[in-house]
């Protein structure tokens, strides 16, 4: 499965007409801004890799509009059951069920606008566990580290809001 190569070219902002203007790492998280059609687009992201194959298993990205609206996207491979919601849980907090929003040629996505209270759970947490049901009926848990999230998110806010 060459999911990693397709995923990186189609999902990450690495197209030839894009120009990376800022890139910083915050532990598990990466902050980046690109210049696309005379507009700067910034996001904070984390990739989760399969330890056996080193392929991307999932991708979580946060972006923000100039009016402080934060959008979260989580990408999954096509082998997920789109009829079954994912379950998102930060540390021992109550799990939250989210539905898939769309699929493209490289992945299927959960896309949600998230509020400040949700951002605060990310900032206070240690890890984010996402459970998804695969087409073959197996459940998979993907763990994102929240180490560096606060510094990365603060950097995103500073860049977008000022």
C-alpha atoms as a PDB file:
ATOM      1  CA  UNK A   1       0.000   0.000   0.000  1.00  0.00           C
ATOM      2  CA  UNK A   2       1.553   3.260  -1.094  1.00  0.00           C
ATOM      3  CA  UNK A   3      -0.899   5.285   0.988  1.00  0.00           C
ATOM      4  CA  UNK A   4       1.904   7.398   2.479  1.00  0.00           C
ATOM      5  CA  UNK A   5       3.124   8.718  -0.862  1.00  0.00           C
ATOM      6  CA  UNK A   6      -0.352   9.519  -2.188  1.00  0.00           C
ATOM      7  CA  UNK A   7      -1.381  10.920   1.181  1.00  0.00           C
ATOM      8  CA  UNK A   8       1.573  13.276   1.422  1.00  0.00           C
ATOM      9  CA  UNK A   9       1.163  14.606  -2.114  1.00  0.00           C
ATOM     10  CA  UNK A  10      -2.601  15.075  -1.997  1.00  0.00           C
ATOM     11  CA  UNK A  11      -3.339  15.985   1.602  1.00  0.00           C
ATOM     12  CA  UNK A  12      -0.327  17.887   2.863  1.00  0.00           C
ATOM     13  CA  UNK A  13       0.292  21.315   1.355  1.00  0.00           C
ATOM     14  CA  UNK A  14       3.279  20.312  -0.733  1.00  0.00           C
ATOM     15  CA  UNK A  15       2.086  21.123  -4.245  1.00  0.00           C
ATOM     16  CA  UNK A  16       4.587  22.699  -6.631  1.00  0.00           C
ATOM     17  CA  UNK A  17       2.769  26.041  -6.706  1.00  0.00           C
ATOM     18  CA  UNK A  18       2.851  26.299  -2.903  1.00  0.00           C
ATOM     19  CA  UNK A  19       5.706  27.911  -1.066  1.00  0.00           C
ATOM     20  CA  UNK A  20       6.351  27.094   2.597  1.00  0.00           C
ATOM     21  CA  UNK A  21       6.973  30.397   4.360  1.00  0.00           C
ATOM     22  CA  UNK A  22       7.035  29.219   7.995  1.00  0.00           C
ATOM     23  CA  UNK A  23       7.619  25.805   9.533  1.00  0.00           C
ATOM     24  CA  UNK A  24       8.217  25.020  13.215  1.00  0.00           C
ATOM     25  CA  UNK A  25       8.076  21.835  15.298  1.00  0.00           C
ATOM     26  CA  UNK A  26       6.490  21.652  18.740  1.00  0.00           C
ATOM     27  CA  UNK A  27       7.227  18.145  20.061  1.00  0.00           C
ATOM     28  CA  UNK A  28       4.681  15.898  18.272  1.00  0.00           C
ATOM     29  CA  UNK A  29       3.068  18.808  16.397  1.00  0.00           C
ATOM     30  CA  UNK A  30       4.207  20.753  13.355  1.00  0.00           C
ATOM     31  CA  UNK A  31       3.136  24.310  12.581  1.00  0.00           C
ATOM     32  CA  UNK A  32       3.409  25.407   8.958  1.00  0.00           C
ATOM     33  CA  UNK A  33       2.290  28.228   6.708  1.00  0.00           C
ATOM     34  CA  UNK A  34       2.317  28.161   2.934  1.00  0.00           C
ATOM     35  CA  UNK A  35       1.818  30.862   0.357  1.00  0.00           C
ATOM     36  CA  UNK A  36      -0.883  29.858  -2.117  1.00  0.00           C
ATOM     37  CA  UNK A  37      -2.237  32.262  -4.726  1.00  0.00           C
ATOM     38  CA  UNK A  38      -0.959  35.283  -2.759  1.00  0.00           C
ATOM     39  CA  UNK A  39      -2.627  34.059   0.430  1.00  0.00           C
ATOM     40  CA  UNK A  40      -0.915  32.652   3.528  1.00  0.00           C
ATOM     41  CA  UNK A  41      -2.533  29.453   4.826  1.00  0.00           C
ATOM     42  CA  UNK A  42      -1.418  28.073   8.205  1.00  0.00           C
ATOM     43  CA  UNK A  43      -2.156  24.898  10.123  1.00  0.00           C
ATOM     44  CA  UNK A  44      -1.010  22.842  13.097  1.00  0.00           C
ATOM     45  CA  UNK A  45      -0.766  19.113  12.409  1.00  0.00           C
ATOM     46  CA  UNK A  46       0.359  15.743  13.646  1.00  0.00           C
ATOM     47  CA  UNK A  47       0.944  12.609  11.599  1.00  0.00           C
ATOM     48  CA  UNK A  48       0.635   9.128  13.103  1.00  0.00           C
ATOM     49  CA  UNK A  49       2.739   6.420  11.465  1.00  0.00           C
ATOM     50  CA  UNK A  50       2.345   2.646  11.511  1.00  0.00           C
ATOM     51  CA  UNK A  51       5.423   1.439  13.467  1.00  0.00           C
ATOM     52  CA  UNK A  52       5.755  -1.662  11.258  1.00  0.00           C
ATOM     53  CA  UNK A  53       5.472  -0.085   7.801  1.00  0.00           C
ATOM     54  CA  UNK A  54       6.241   3.573   8.595  1.00  0.00           C
ATOM     55  CA  UNK A  55       3.178   4.553   6.518  1.00  0.00           C
ATOM     56  CA  UNK A  56       0.859   7.350   7.617  1.00  0.00           C
ATOM     57  CA  UNK A  57      -2.114   5.875   9.477  1.00  0.00           C
ATOM     58  CA  UNK A  58      -3.870   9.121  10.304  1.00  0.00           C
ATOM     59  CA  UNK A  59      -3.426  12.864  10.202  1.00  0.00           C
ATOM     60  CA  UNK A  60      -4.922  15.549  12.448  1.00  0.00           C
ATOM     61  CA  UNK A  61      -4.867  19.177  11.366  1.00  0.00           C
ATOM     62  CA  UNK A  62      -6.124  22.371  12.963  1.00  0.00           C
ATOM     63  CA  UNK A  63      -6.562  25.576  11.016  1.00  0.00           C
ATOM     64  CA  UNK A  64      -8.007  28.913  12.029  1.00  0.00           C
ATOM     65  CA  UNK A  65      -9.834  31.689  10.237  1.00  0.00           C
ATOM     66  CA  UNK A  66      -8.992  35.357  10.914  1.00  0.00           C
ATOM     67  CA  UNK A  67     -12.208  35.598  12.979  1.00  0.00           C
ATOM     68  CA  UNK A  68     -10.914  32.891  15.378  1.00  0.00           C
ATOM     69  CA  UNK A  69     -12.940  29.946  14.110  1.00  0.00           C
ATOM     70  CA  UNK A  70     -10.905  26.748  14.497  1.00  0.00           C
ATOM     71  CA  UNK A  71     -11.497  23.772  12.227  1.00  0.00           C
ATOM     72  CA  UNK A  72     -10.204  20.288  13.002  1.00  0.00           C
ATOM     73  CA  UNK A  73      -9.729  17.645  10.303  1.00  0.00           C
ATOM     74  CA  UNK A  74      -8.777  14.049  10.944  1.00  0.00           C
ATOM     75  CA  UNK A  75      -7.820  11.881   7.959  1.00  0.00           C
ATOM     76  CA  UNK A  76      -8.240   8.109   7.758  1.00  0.00           C
ATOM     77  CA  UNK A  77      -7.438   5.568   5.040  1.00  0.00           C
ATOM     78  CA  UNK A  78     -10.272   4.428   2.780  1.00  0.00           C
ATOM     79  CA  UNK A  79     -10.639   1.119   4.648  1.00  0.00           C
ATOM     80  CA  UNK A  80     -12.886   2.687   7.316  1.00  0.00           C
ATOM     81  CA  UNK A  81     -16.596   2.011   7.726  1.00  0.00           C
ATOM     82  CA  UNK A  82     -18.171   5.374   6.857  1.00  0.00           C
ATOM     83  CA  UNK A  83     -21.504   4.360   8.426  1.00  0.00           C
ATOM     84  CA  UNK A  84     -19.912   4.023  11.865  1.00  0.00           C
ATOM     85  CA  UNK A  85     -18.818   7.223  13.669  1.00  0.00           C
ATOM     86  CA  UNK A  86     -15.352   7.609  15.061  1.00  0.00           C
ATOM     87  CA  UNK A  87     -14.909   7.938  18.800  1.00  0.00           C
ATOM     88  CA  UNK A  88     -12.580  10.672  20.009  1.00  0.00           C
ATOM     89  CA  UNK A  89     -11.335  10.670  23.617  1.00  0.00           C
ATOM     90  CA  UNK A  90      -8.829  12.957  25.334  1.00  0.00           C
ATOM     91  CA  UNK A  91      -7.208  11.145  28.270  1.00  0.00           C
ATOM     92  CA  UNK A  92     -10.005   9.871  30.538  1.00  0.00           C
ATOM     93  CA  UNK A  93     -12.587  12.473  29.485  1.00  0.00           C
ATOM     94  CA  UNK A  94     -15.972  11.417  28.127  1.00  0.00           C
ATOM     95  CA  UNK A  95     -15.630  10.114  24.538  1.00  0.00           C
ATOM     96  CA  UNK A  96     -17.196  12.085  21.707  1.00  0.00           C
ATOM     97  CA  UNK A  97     -18.661  10.514  18.560  1.00  0.00           C
ATOM     98  CA  UNK A  98     -17.968  12.279  15.247  1.00  0.00           C
ATOM     99  CA  UNK A  99     -19.112  11.424  11.734  1.00  0.00           C
ATOM    100  CA  UNK A 100     -17.105  11.398   8.528  1.00  0.00           C
ATOM    101  CA  UNK A 101     -17.565  14.555   6.467  1.00  0.00           C
ATOM    102  CA  UNK A 102     -16.090  13.566   3.102  1.00  0.00           C
ATOM    103  CA  UNK A 103     -13.614  11.407   1.218  1.00  0.00           C
ATOM    104  CA  UNK A 104     -11.260  12.299  -1.600  1.00  0.00           C
ATOM    105  CA  UNK A 105      -8.859  10.183  -3.654  1.00  0.00           C
ATOM    106  CA  UNK A 106      -6.368   9.940  -0.776  1.00  0.00           C
ATOM    107  CA  UNK A 107      -8.377   9.620   2.462  1.00  0.00           C
ATOM    108  CA  UNK A 108     -11.667   9.985   4.334  1.00  0.00           C
ATOM    109  CA  UNK A 109     -12.047  12.895   6.736  1.00  0.00           C
ATOM    110  CA  UNK A 110     -13.806  13.995   9.869  1.00  0.00           C
ATOM    111  CA  UNK A 111     -14.100  17.790   9.740  1.00  0.00           C
ATOM    112  CA  UNK A 112     -15.492  19.822  12.627  1.00  0.00           C
ATOM    113  CA  UNK A 113     -15.522  23.399  13.846  1.00  0.00           C
ATOM    114  CA  UNK A 114     -14.271  23.238  17.430  1.00  0.00           C
ATOM    115  CA  UNK A 115     -14.833  25.684  20.274  1.00  0.00           C
ATOM    116  CA  UNK A 116     -12.447  27.091  22.875  1.00  0.00           C
ATOM    117  CA  UNK A 117     -13.548  24.564  25.526  1.00  0.00           C
ATOM    118  CA  UNK A 118     -12.486  21.734  23.201  1.00  0.00           C
ATOM    119  CA  UNK A 119      -9.134  23.455  22.544  1.00  0.00           C
ATOM    120  CA  UNK A 120      -8.676  23.708  26.322  1.00  0.00           C
ATOM    121  CA  UNK A 121      -9.182  19.917  26.632  1.00  0.00           C
ATOM    122  CA  UNK A 122      -6.414  19.435  24.035  1.00  0.00           C
ATOM    123  CA  UNK A 123      -4.152  21.837  25.947  1.00  0.00           C
ATOM    124  CA  UNK A 124      -4.731  20.084  29.280  1.00  0.00           C
ATOM    125  CA  UNK A 125      -4.489  16.555  27.869  1.00  0.00           C
ATOM    126  CA  UNK A 126      -1.655  14.111  27.317  1.00  0.00           C
ATOM    127  CA  UNK A 127      -3.051  12.039  24.465  1.00  0.00           C
ATOM    128  CA  UNK A 128      -5.949  11.867  22.083  1.00  0.00           C
ATOM    129  CA  UNK A 129      -7.308   8.422  21.205  1.00  0.00           C
ATOM    130  CA  UNK A 130      -9.410   7.998  18.090  1.00  0.00           C
ATOM    131  CA  UNK A 131     -11.294   4.742  17.539  1.00  0.00           C
ATOM    132  CA  UNK A 132     -12.545   3.844  14.088  1.00  0.00           C
ATOM    133  CA  UNK A 133     -14.270   0.787  12.688  1.00  0.00           C
ATOM    134  CA  UNK A 134     -12.671  -0.756   9.604  1.00  0.00           C
ATOM    135  CA  UNK A 135     -14.634  -2.287   6.716  1.00  0.00           C
ATOM    136  CA  UNK A 136     -13.691  -5.800   7.873  1.00  0.00           C
ATOM    137  CA  UNK A 137     -15.276  -5.135  11.290  1.00  0.00           C
ATOM    138  CA  UNK A 138     -12.037  -4.643  13.234  1.00  0.00           C
ATOM    139  CA  UNK A 139     -11.766  -1.638  15.533  1.00  0.00           C
ATOM    140  CA  UNK A 140      -8.576   0.390  15.379  1.00  0.00           C
ATOM    141  CA  UNK A 141      -7.345   2.923  17.933  1.00  0.00           C
ATOM    142  CA  UNK A 142      -5.048   5.694  16.751  1.00  0.00           C
ATOM    143  CA  UNK A 143      -3.205   7.669  19.417  1.00  0.00           C
ATOM    144  CA  UNK A 144      -2.092  11.262  18.922  1.00  0.00           C
ATOM    145  CA  UNK A 145       0.303  12.803  21.419  1.00  0.00           C
ATOM    146  CA  UNK A 146      -0.751  16.174  22.799  1.00  0.00           C
ATOM    147  CA  UNK A 147       2.845  16.996  23.752  1.00  0.00           C
ATOM    148  CA  UNK A 148       3.648  20.403  22.297  1.00  0.00           C
ATOM    149  CA  UNK A 149       0.034  21.130  21.391  1.00  0.00           C
ATOM    150  CA  UNK A 150      -0.317  24.248  23.553  1.00  0.00           C
ATOM    151  CA  UNK A 151       2.824  25.908  22.181  1.00  0.00           C
ATOM    152  CA  UNK A 152       1.882  24.939  18.621  1.00  0.00           C
ATOM    153  CA  UNK A 153      -1.686  26.181  18.951  1.00  0.00           C
ATOM    154  CA  UNK A 154      -0.508  29.436  20.509  1.00  0.00           C
ATOM    155  CA  UNK A 155       1.817  29.847  17.514  1.00  0.00           C
ATOM    156  CA  UNK A 156      -1.097  29.265  15.140  1.00  0.00           C
ATOM    157  CA  UNK A 157      -3.186  31.891  16.934  1.00  0.00           C
ATOM    158  CA  UNK A 158      -0.297  34.374  16.859  1.00  0.00           C
ATOM    159  CA  UNK A 159       0.234  33.881  13.113  1.00  0.00           C
ATOM    160  CA  UNK A 160      -3.428  34.028  12.083  1.00  0.00           C
ATOM    161  CA  UNK A 161      -4.932  36.476  14.587  1.00  0.00           C
ATOM    162  CA  UNK A 162      -1.818  38.470  15.377  1.00  0.00           C
END
